[in-house]
Amino acid sequence: MLVSRVLGTLASGTPCRFCAENFTVGVEAYGGLGSTEGFERTAQRHYIAPVVGWHVADRTTLKASAAVGLTENSDRFLLRVGFAYELPVGGRR
C-alpha cells in the first residue's frame, strides 16, 4: 500500500522539470505472507518505507525508497529504485 502526495499543487505555465509539482513524497508498506511451501508466521517479511518520486518527463517517472524491516525474518534495510516509462497504446483523441 502506498500513500503519497504531490509537493506542488499548481502547475506553472512554463516547462520545468525541477518544480514542486513534479515531485511526490509518501509512505509505502509492503510484505509477503510466506513462501510457496507454506504461510508460516516465521517466514513472513514486512517493510515500511518513505518514498520519493520525480516525474522526469511526460511519460517517465523515477522513484526511490529506503525500507526498514518490521519482522525478524525481514531484511534489516532495503534500498529500492524504480524507473517507469508509460507506453502509449492507441492514439490520442
PDB file of N, CA and C in Angstrom:
ATOM      1  N   MET A   1       0.846  -1.153   0.000  1.00  0.00           N
ATOM      2  CA  MET A   1       0.000   0.000   0.000  1.00  0.00           C
ATOM      3  C   MET A   1       0.901   1.227   0.000  1.00  0.00           C
ATOM      4  N   LEU A   2       0.570   2.171  -0.872  1.00  0.00           N
ATOM      5  CA  LEU A   2       1.341   3.406  -0.997  1.00  0.00           C
ATOM      6  C   LEU A   2       0.414   4.593  -0.819  1.00  0.00           C
ATOM      7  N   VAL A   3       0.810   5.506   0.038  1.00  0.00           N
ATOM      8  CA  VAL A   3       0.089   6.765   0.226  1.00  0.00           C
ATOM      9  C   VAL A   3       1.078   7.863  -0.117  1.00  0.00           C
ATOM     10  N   SER A   4       0.697   8.735  -1.082  1.00  0.00           N
ATOM     11  CA  SER A   4       1.630   9.783  -1.494  1.00  0.00           C
ATOM     12  C   SER A   4       0.897  11.082  -1.784  1.00  0.00           C
ATOM     13  N   ARG A   5       1.694  12.136  -1.878  1.00  0.00           N
ATOM     14  CA  ARG A   5       1.142  13.471  -2.122  1.00  0.00           C
ATOM     15  C   ARG A   5       2.124  14.251  -2.987  1.00  0.00           C
ATOM     16  N   VAL A   6       1.583  15.021  -3.928  1.00  0.00           N
ATOM     17  CA  VAL A   6       2.397  15.887  -4.772  1.00  0.00           C
ATOM     18  C   VAL A   6       2.827  17.102  -3.948  1.00  0.00           C
ATOM     19  N   LEU A   7       4.075  17.529  -4.108  1.00  0.00           N
ATOM     20  CA  LEU A   7       4.579  18.663  -3.325  1.00  0.00           C
ATOM     21  C   LEU A   7       3.988  19.992  -3.776  1.00  0.00           C
ATOM     22  N   GLY A   8       3.775  20.167  -5.064  1.00  0.00           N
ATOM     23  CA  GLY A   8       3.198  21.411  -5.573  1.00  0.00           C
ATOM     24  C   GLY A   8       1.772  21.192  -6.027  1.00  0.00           C
ATOM     25  N   THR A   9       0.913  22.165  -5.814  1.00  0.00           N
ATOM     26  CA  THR A   9      -0.486  21.997  -6.186  1.00  0.00           C
ATOM     27  C   THR A   9      -0.835  22.653  -7.508  1.00  0.00           C
ATOM     28  N   LEU A  10      -0.182  23.741  -7.852  1.00  0.00           N
ATOM     29  CA  LEU A  10      -0.479  24.437  -9.098  1.00  0.00           C
ATOM     30  C   LEU A  10       0.706  24.333 -10.049  1.00  0.00           C
ATOM     31  N   ALA A  11       0.426  23.935 -11.286  1.00  0.00           N
ATOM     32  CA  ALA A  11       1.480  23.858 -12.290  1.00  0.00           C
ATOM     33  C   ALA A  11       1.744  25.242 -12.860  1.00  0.00           C
ATOM     34  N   SER A  12       3.015  25.534 -13.080  1.00  0.00           N
ATOM     35  CA  SER A  12       3.359  26.818 -13.682  1.00  0.00           C
ATOM     36  C   SER A  12       3.121  26.747 -15.188  1.00  0.00           C
ATOM     37  N   GLY A  13       3.028  27.888 -15.829  1.00  0.00           N
ATOM     38  CA  GLY A  13       2.777  27.924 -17.263  1.00  0.00           C
ATOM     39  C   GLY A  13       3.990  27.604 -18.112  1.00  0.00           C
ATOM     40  N   THR A  14       5.165  27.560 -17.522  1.00  0.00           N
ATOM     41  CA  THR A  14       6.395  27.274 -18.259  1.00  0.00           C
ATOM     42  C   THR A  14       6.869  25.858 -17.962  1.00  0.00           C
ATOM     43  N   PRO A  15       7.499  25.201 -18.933  1.00  0.00           N
ATOM     44  CA  PRO A  15       8.026  23.855 -18.683  1.00  0.00           C
ATOM     45  C   PRO A  15       9.150  23.882 -17.643  1.00  0.00           C
ATOM     46  N   CYS A  16       9.050  23.020 -16.646  1.00  0.00           N
ATOM     47  CA  CYS A  16      10.041  22.981 -15.571  1.00  0.00           C
ATOM     48  C   CYS A  16      10.108  21.560 -15.030  1.00  0.00           C
ATOM     49  N   ARG A  17      11.270  20.925 -15.056  1.00  0.00           N
ATOM     50  CA  ARG A  17      11.431  19.549 -14.559  1.00  0.00           C
ATOM     51  C   ARG A  17      11.720  19.508 -13.064  1.00  0.00           C
ATOM     52  N   PHE A  18      12.196  20.606 -12.493  1.00  0.00           N
ATOM     53  CA  PHE A  18      12.568  20.622 -11.082  1.00  0.00           C
ATOM     54  C   PHE A  18      11.588  21.416 -10.223  1.00  0.00           C
ATOM     55  N   CYS A  19      10.393  21.668 -10.752  1.00  0.00           N
ATOM     56  CA  CYS A  19       9.359  22.373  -9.993  1.00  0.00           C
ATOM     57  C   CYS A  19       8.681  21.417  -9.008  1.00  0.00           C
ATOM     58  N   ALA A  20       8.072  21.975  -7.994  1.00  0.00           N
ATOM     59  CA  ALA A  20       7.472  21.167  -6.925  1.00  0.00           C
ATOM     60  C   ALA A  20       6.365  20.245  -7.419  1.00  0.00           C
ATOM     61  N   GLU A  21       5.624  20.628  -8.467  1.00  0.00           N
ATOM     62  CA  GLU A  21       4.519  19.788  -8.937  1.00  0.00           C
ATOM     63  C   GLU A  21       4.990  18.494  -9.610  1.00  0.00           C
ATOM     64  N   ASN A  22       6.287  18.358  -9.876  1.00  0.00           N
ATOM     65  CA  ASN A  22       6.834  17.134 -10.463  1.00  0.00           C
ATOM     66  C   ASN A  22       7.382  16.169  -9.421  1.00  0.00           C
ATOM     67  N   PHE A  23       7.297  16.505  -8.138  1.00  0.00           N
ATOM     68  CA  PHE A  23       7.817  15.653  -7.071  1.00  0.00           C
ATOM     69  C   PHE A  23       6.694  15.164  -6.167  1.00  0.00           C
ATOM     70  N   THR A  24       6.792  13.906  -5.735  1.00  0.00           N
ATOM     71  CA  THR A  24       5.847  13.335  -4.780  1.00  0.00           C
ATOM     72  C   THR A  24       6.619  12.727  -3.616  1.00  0.00           C
ATOM     73  N   VAL A  25       6.007  12.737  -2.450  1.00  0.00           N
ATOM     74  CA  VAL A  25       6.562  12.071  -1.269  1.00  0.00           C
ATOM     75  C   VAL A  25       5.449  11.219  -0.659  1.00  0.00           C
ATOM     76  N   GLY A  26       5.836  10.137  -0.022  1.00  0.00           N
ATOM     77  CA  GLY A  26       4.829   9.280   0.573  1.00  0.00           C
ATOM     78  C   GLY A  26       5.424   8.216   1.461  1.00  0.00           C
ATOM     79  N   VAL A  27       4.568   7.301   1.886  1.00  0.00           N
ATOM     80  CA  VAL A  27       4.954   6.172   2.735  1.00  0.00           C
ATOM     81  C   VAL A  27       4.385   4.913   2.101  1.00  0.00           C
ATOM     82  N   GLU A  28       5.195   3.869   2.043  1.00  0.00           N
ATOM     83  CA  GLU A  28       4.786   2.601   1.460  1.00  0.00           C
ATOM     84  C   GLU A  28       4.965   1.480   2.480  1.00  0.00           C
ATOM     85  N   ALA A  29       3.979   0.606   2.568  1.00  0.00           N
ATOM     86  CA  ALA A  29       4.066  -0.591   3.410  1.00  0.00           C
ATOM     87  C   ALA A  29       3.842  -1.795   2.508  1.00  0.00           C
ATOM     88  N   TYR A  30       4.728  -2.781   2.602  1.00  0.00           N
ATOM     89  CA  TYR A  30       4.592  -3.976   1.763  1.00  0.00           C
ATOM     90  C   TYR A  30       5.197  -5.182   2.463  1.00  0.00           C
ATOM     91  N   GLY A  31       4.882  -6.345   1.958  1.00  0.00           N
ATOM     92  CA  GLY A  31       5.404  -7.567   2.541  1.00  0.00           C
ATOM     93  C   GLY A  31       4.786  -8.794   1.914  1.00  0.00           C
ATOM     94  N   GLY A  32       5.060  -9.947   2.503  1.00  0.00           N
ATOM     95  CA  GLY A  32       4.556 -11.207   1.990  1.00  0.00           C
ATOM     96  C   GLY A  32       4.022 -12.079   3.105  1.00  0.00           C
ATOM     97  N   LEU A  33       3.225 -13.065   2.709  1.00  0.00           N
ATOM     98  CA  LEU A  33       2.610 -13.965   3.682  1.00  0.00           C
ATOM     99  C   LEU A  33       3.399 -15.250   3.893  1.00  0.00           C
ATOM    100  N   GLY A  34       4.565 -15.351   3.321  1.00  0.00           N
ATOM    101  CA  GLY A  34       5.377 -16.550   3.474  1.00  0.00           C
ATOM    102  C   GLY A  34       5.927 -17.000   2.138  1.00  0.00           C
ATOM    103  N   SER A  35       6.218 -18.283   2.038  1.00  0.00           N
ATOM    104  CA  SER A  35       6.768 -18.833   0.804  1.00  0.00           C
ATOM    105  C   SER A  35       5.708 -19.670   0.085  1.00  0.00           C
ATOM    106  N   THR A  36       6.096 -20.242  -1.038  1.00  0.00           N
ATOM    107  CA  THR A  36       5.171 -21.101  -1.784  1.00  0.00           C
ATOM    108  C   THR A  36       4.933 -22.429  -1.079  1.00  0.00           C
ATOM    109  N   GLU A  37       5.773 -22.749  -0.116  1.00  0.00           N
ATOM    110  CA  GLU A  37       5.636 -24.000   0.619  1.00  0.00           C
ATOM    111  C   GLU A  37       4.726 -23.881   1.830  1.00  0.00           C
ATOM    112  N   GLY A  38       4.443 -22.676   2.277  1.00  0.00           N
ATOM    113  CA  GLY A  38       3.582 -22.504   3.439  1.00  0.00           C
ATOM    114  C   GLY A  38       3.502 -21.062   3.883  1.00  0.00           C
ATOM    115  N   PHE A  39       2.550 -20.812   4.768  1.00  0.00           N
ATOM    116  CA  PHE A  39       2.321 -19.461   5.267  1.00  0.00           C
ATOM    117  C   PHE A  39       2.717 -19.347   6.741  1.00  0.00           C
ATOM    118  N   GLU A  40       3.864 -19.888   7.097  1.00  0.00           N
ATOM    119  CA  GLU A  40       4.311 -19.816   8.485  1.00  0.00           C
ATOM    120  C   GLU A  40       4.584 -18.374   8.873  1.00  0.00           C
ATOM    121  N   ARG A  41       4.272 -18.052  10.079  1.00  0.00           N
ATOM    122  CA  ARG A  41       4.489 -16.697  10.562  1.00  0.00           C
ATOM    123  C   ARG A  41       5.971 -16.347  10.583  1.00  0.00           C
ATOM    124  N   THR A  42       6.821 -17.314  10.798  1.00  0.00           N
ATOM    125  CA  THR A  42       8.260 -17.058  10.848  1.00  0.00           C
ATOM    126  C   THR A  42       8.840 -16.769   9.464  1.00  0.00           C
ATOM    127  N   ALA A  43       8.130 -17.083   8.398  1.00  0.00           N
ATOM    128  CA  ALA A  43       8.618 -16.844   7.033  1.00  0.00           C
ATOM    129  C   ALA A  43       8.101 -15.532   6.446  1.00  0.00           C
ATOM    130  N   GLN A  44       7.299 -14.815   7.192  1.00  0.00           N
ATOM    131  CA  GLN A  44       6.714 -13.578   6.664  1.00  0.00           C
ATOM    132  C   GLN A  44       7.695 -12.418   6.776  1.00  0.00           C
ATOM    133  N   ARG A  45       7.696 -11.583   5.737  1.00  0.00           N
ATOM    134  CA  ARG A  45       8.551 -10.401   5.711  1.00  0.00           C
ATOM    135  C   ARG A  45       7.683  -9.180   5.455  1.00  0.00           C
ATOM    136  N   HIS A  46       7.843  -8.158   6.264  1.00  0.00           N
ATOM    137  CA  HIS A  46       7.075  -6.921   6.131  1.00  0.00           C
ATOM    138  C   HIS A  46       8.012  -5.728   6.248  1.00  0.00           C
ATOM    139  N   TYR A  47       7.707  -4.674   5.459  1.00  0.00           N
ATOM    140  CA  TYR A  47       8.563  -3.491   5.405  1.00  0.00           C
ATOM    141  C   TYR A  47       7.727  -2.221   5.413  1.00  0.00           C
ATOM    142  N   ILE A  48       8.352  -1.127   5.832  1.00  0.00           N
ATOM    143  CA  ILE A  48       7.755   0.201   5.717  1.00  0.00           C
ATOM    144  C   ILE A  48       8.855   1.135   5.217  1.00  0.00           C
ATOM    145  N   ALA A  49       8.467   2.072   4.311  1.00  0.00           N
ATOM    146  CA  ALA A  49       9.482   2.908   3.691  1.00  0.00           C
ATOM    147  C   ALA A  49       8.936   4.274   3.293  1.00  0.00           C
ATOM    148  N   PRO A  50       9.725   5.325   3.488  1.00  0.00           N
ATOM    149  CA  PRO A  50       9.390   6.610   2.878  1.00  0.00           C
ATOM    150  C   PRO A  50       9.749   6.536   1.394  1.00  0.00           C
ATOM    151  N   VAL A  51       8.943   7.175   0.545  1.00  0.00           N
ATOM    152  CA  VAL A  51       9.138   7.109  -0.908  1.00  0.00           C
ATOM    153  C   VAL A  51       9.212   8.526  -1.470  1.00  0.00           C
ATOM    154  N   VAL A  52      10.132   8.725  -2.408  1.00  0.00           N
ATOM    155  CA  VAL A  52      10.253   9.984  -3.132  1.00  0.00           C
ATOM    156  C   VAL A  52      10.141   9.672  -4.619  1.00  0.00           C
ATOM    157  N   GLY A  53       9.294  10.430  -5.330  1.00  0.00           N
ATOM    158  CA  GLY A  53       9.125  10.225  -6.759  1.00  0.00           C
ATOM    159  C   GLY A  53       9.358  11.516  -7.527  1.00  0.00           C
ATOM    160  N   TRP A  54       9.862  11.369  -8.749  1.00  0.00           N
ATOM    161  CA  TRP A  54      10.119  12.513  -9.620  1.00  0.00           C
ATOM    162  C   TRP A  54       9.565  12.222 -10.995  1.00  0.00           C
ATOM    163  N   HIS A  55       8.656  13.052 -11.457  1.00  0.00           N
ATOM    164  CA  HIS A  55       8.075  12.942 -12.795  1.00  0.00           C
ATOM    165  C   HIS A  55       9.059  13.613 -13.756  1.00  0.00           C
ATOM    166  N   VAL A  56       9.946  12.829 -14.370  1.00  0.00           N
ATOM    167  CA  VAL A  56      11.053  13.350 -15.161  1.00  0.00           C
ATOM    168  C   VAL A  56      10.583  13.966 -16.477  1.00  0.00           C
ATOM    169  N   ALA A  57       9.726  13.253 -17.191  1.00  0.00           N
ATOM    170  CA  ALA A  57       9.209  13.717 -18.479  1.00  0.00           C
ATOM    171  C   ALA A  57       7.739  13.338 -18.575  1.00  0.00           C
ATOM    172  N   ASP A  58       7.140  13.565 -19.743  1.00  0.00           N
ATOM    173  CA  ASP A  58       5.705  13.309 -19.902  1.00  0.00           C
ATOM    174  C   ASP A  58       5.297  11.896 -19.502  1.00  0.00           C
ATOM    175  N   ARG A  59       6.059  10.897 -19.853  1.00  0.00           N
ATOM    176  CA  ARG A  59       5.700   9.505 -19.565  1.00  0.00           C
ATOM    177  C   ARG A  59       6.741   8.786 -18.710  1.00  0.00           C
ATOM    178  N   THR A  60       7.612   9.513 -18.055  1.00  0.00           N
ATOM    179  CA  THR A  60       8.724   8.902 -17.326  1.00  0.00           C
ATOM    180  C   THR A  60       8.713   9.316 -15.854  1.00  0.00           C
ATOM    181  N   THR A  61       8.863   8.325 -14.976  1.00  0.00           N
ATOM    182  CA  THR A  61       8.888   8.564 -13.532  1.00  0.00           C
ATOM    183  C   THR A  61      10.044   7.799 -12.904  1.00  0.00           C
ATOM    184  N   LEU A  62      10.691   8.409 -11.939  1.00  0.00           N
ATOM    185  CA  LEU A  62      11.770   7.798 -11.175  1.00  0.00           C
ATOM    186  C   LEU A  62      11.378   7.823  -9.708  1.00  0.00           C
ATOM    187  N   LYS A  63      11.470   6.659  -9.014  1.00  0.00           N
ATOM    188  CA  LYS A  63      11.111   6.574  -7.599  1.00  0.00           C
ATOM    189  C   LYS A  63      12.240   5.924  -6.811  1.00  0.00           C
ATOM    190  N   ALA A  64      12.359   6.334  -5.546  1.00  0.00           N
ATOM    191  CA  ALA A  64      13.360   5.753  -4.656  1.00  0.00           C
ATOM    192  C   ALA A  64      12.771   5.635  -3.258  1.00  0.00           C
ATOM    193  N   SER A  65      13.146   4.541  -2.565  1.00  0.00           N
ATOM    194  CA  SER A  65      12.685   4.350  -1.193  1.00  0.00           C
ATOM    195  C   SER A  65      13.753   3.616  -0.390  1.00  0.00           C
ATOM    196  N   ALA A  66      13.752   3.875   0.903  1.00  0.00           N
ATOM    197  CA  ALA A  66      14.648   3.205   1.843  1.00  0.00           C
ATOM    198  C   ALA A  66      13.769   2.528   2.891  1.00  0.00           C
ATOM    199  N   ALA A  67      13.663   1.203   2.813  1.00  0.00           N
ATOM    200  CA  ALA A  67      12.737   0.452   3.663  1.00  0.00           C
ATOM    201  C   ALA A  67      13.430  -0.129   4.885  1.00  0.00           C
ATOM    202  N   VAL A  68      12.649  -0.271   5.941  1.00  0.00           N
ATOM    203  CA  VAL A  68      13.108  -0.882   7.185  1.00  0.00           C
ATOM    204  C   VAL A  68      12.269  -2.125   7.423  1.00  0.00           C
ATOM    205  N   GLY A  69      12.925  -3.248   7.756  1.00  0.00           N
ATOM    206  CA  GLY A  69      12.221  -4.489   8.038  1.00  0.00           C
ATOM    207  C   GLY A  69      11.497  -4.448   9.372  1.00  0.00           C
ATOM    208  N   LEU A  70      10.256  -4.979   9.396  1.00  0.00           N
ATOM    209  CA  LEU A  70       9.436  -4.936  10.606  1.00  0.00           C
ATOM    210  C   LEU A  70       9.376  -6.272  11.346  1.00  0.00           C
ATOM    211  N   THR A  71       9.744  -7.358  10.694  1.00  0.00           N
ATOM    212  CA  THR A  71       9.704  -8.676  11.328  1.00  0.00           C
ATOM    213  C   THR A  71      11.111  -9.239  11.454  1.00  0.00           C
ATOM    214  N   GLU A  72      11.257 -10.286  12.262  1.00  0.00           N
ATOM    215  CA  GLU A  72      12.572 -10.893  12.472  1.00  0.00           C
ATOM    216  C   GLU A  72      13.146 -11.495  11.201  1.00  0.00           C
ATOM    217  N   ASN A  73      12.295 -12.007  10.327  1.00  0.00           N
ATOM    218  CA  ASN A  73      12.740 -12.650   9.099  1.00  0.00           C
ATOM    219  C   ASN A  73      13.011 -11.642   7.979  1.00  0.00           C
ATOM    220  N   SER A  74      12.599 -10.391   8.145  1.00  0.00           N
ATOM    221  CA  SER A  74      12.806  -9.364   7.128  1.00  0.00           C
ATOM    222  C   SER A  74      14.276  -8.960   7.070  1.00  0.00           C
ATOM    223  N   ASP A  75      14.684  -8.494   5.908  1.00  0.00           N
ATOM    224  CA  ASP A  75      15.995  -7.872   5.813  1.00  0.00           C
ATOM    225  C   ASP A  75      15.955  -6.604   6.654  1.00  0.00           C
ATOM    226  N   ARG A  76      17.065  -6.251   7.245  1.00  0.00           N
ATOM    227  CA  ARG A  76      17.089  -5.090   8.129  1.00  0.00           C
ATOM    228  C   ARG A  76      16.838  -3.786   7.367  1.00  0.00           C
ATOM    229  N   PHE A  77      17.388  -3.689   6.139  1.00  0.00           N
ATOM    230  CA  PHE A  77      17.306  -2.455   5.368  1.00  0.00           C
ATOM    231  C   PHE A  77      17.259  -2.804   3.877  1.00  0.00           C
ATOM    232  N   LEU A  78      16.384  -2.156   3.122  1.00  0.00           N
ATOM    233  CA  LEU A  78      16.304  -2.324   1.674  1.00  0.00           C
ATOM    234  C   LEU A  78      16.314  -0.957   1.010  1.00  0.00           C
ATOM    235  N   LEU A  79      17.078  -0.818  -0.041  1.00  0.00           N
ATOM    236  CA  LEU A  79      17.083   0.386  -0.848  1.00  0.00           C
ATOM    237  C   LEU A  79      16.514   0.017  -2.206  1.00  0.00           C
ATOM    238  N   ARG A  80      15.420   0.671  -2.599  1.00  0.00           N
ATOM    239  CA  ARG A  80      14.757   0.352  -3.865  1.00  0.00           C
ATOM    240  C   ARG A  80      14.733   1.579  -4.759  1.00  0.00           C
ATOM    241  N   VAL A  81      15.023   1.362  -6.036  1.00  0.00           N
ATOM    242  CA  VAL A  81      14.977   2.409  -7.043  1.00  0.00           C
ATOM    243  C   VAL A  81      14.139   1.879  -8.190  1.00  0.00           C
ATOM    244  N   GLY A  82      13.191   2.686  -8.663  1.00  0.00           N
ATOM    245  CA  GLY A  82      12.330   2.253  -9.760  1.00  0.00           C
ATOM    246  C   GLY A  82      12.273   3.289 -10.863  1.00  0.00           C
ATOM    247  N   PHE A  83      12.232   2.801 -12.098  1.00  0.00           N
ATOM    248  CA  PHE A  83      12.116   3.649 -13.274  1.00  0.00           C
ATOM    249  C   PHE A  83      10.920   3.156 -14.065  1.00  0.00           C
ATOM    250  N   ALA A  84      10.020   4.055 -14.426  1.00  0.00           N
ATOM    251  CA  ALA A  84       8.820   3.663 -15.173  1.00  0.00           C
ATOM    252  C   ALA A  84       8.676   4.532 -16.411  1.00  0.00           C
ATOM    253  N   TYR A  85       8.376   3.886 -17.528  1.00  0.00           N
ATOM    254  CA  TYR A  85       8.064   4.580 -18.762  1.00  0.00           C
ATOM    255  C   TYR A  85       6.733   4.050 -19.262  1.00  0.00           C
ATOM    256  N   GLU A  86       5.786   4.929 -19.472  1.00  0.00           N
ATOM    257  CA  GLU A  86       4.464   4.537 -19.932  1.00  0.00           C
ATOM    258  C   GLU A  86       4.445   4.478 -21.449  1.00  0.00           C
ATOM    259  N   LEU A  87       4.079   3.320 -21.993  1.00  0.00           N
ATOM    260  CA  LEU A  87       3.988   3.144 -23.432  1.00  0.00           C
ATOM    261  C   LEU A  87       2.609   3.552 -23.906  1.00  0.00           C
ATOM    262  N   PRO A  88       2.525   4.413 -24.908  1.00  0.00           N
ATOM    263  CA  PRO A  88       1.207   4.796 -25.421  1.00  0.00           C
ATOM    264  C   PRO A  88       0.590   3.642 -26.205  1.00  0.00           C
ATOM    265  N   VAL A  89      -0.646   3.323 -25.903  1.00  0.00           N
ATOM    266  CA  VAL A  89      -1.377   2.271 -26.612  1.00  0.00           C
ATOM    267  C   VAL A  89      -2.528   2.951 -27.329  1.00  0.00           C
ATOM    268  N   GLY A  90      -2.550   2.836 -28.625  1.00  0.00           N
ATOM    269  CA  GLY A  90      -3.582   3.532 -29.398  1.00  0.00           C
ATOM    270  C   GLY A  90      -3.202   4.984 -29.595  1.00  0.00           C
ATOM    271  N   GLY A  91      -4.076   5.727 -30.210  1.00  0.00           N
ATOM    272  CA  GLY A  91      -3.801   7.140 -30.468  1.00  0.00           C
ATOM    273  C   GLY A  91      -4.499   8.041 -29.468  1.00  0.00           C
ATOM    274  N   ARG A  92      -4.034   9.250 -29.382  1.00  0.00           N
ATOM    275  CA  ARG A  92      -4.698  10.246 -28.533  1.00  0.00           C
ATOM    276  C   ARG A  92      -5.940  10.761 -29.240  1.00  0.00           C
ATOM    277  N   ARG A  93      -6.924  11.072 -28.469  1.00  0.00           N
ATOM    278  CA  ARG A  93      -8.167  11.600 -29.052  1.00  0.00           C
ATOM    279  C   ARG A  93      -8.397  13.009 -28.627  1.00  0.00           C
TER     280      ARG A  93
END
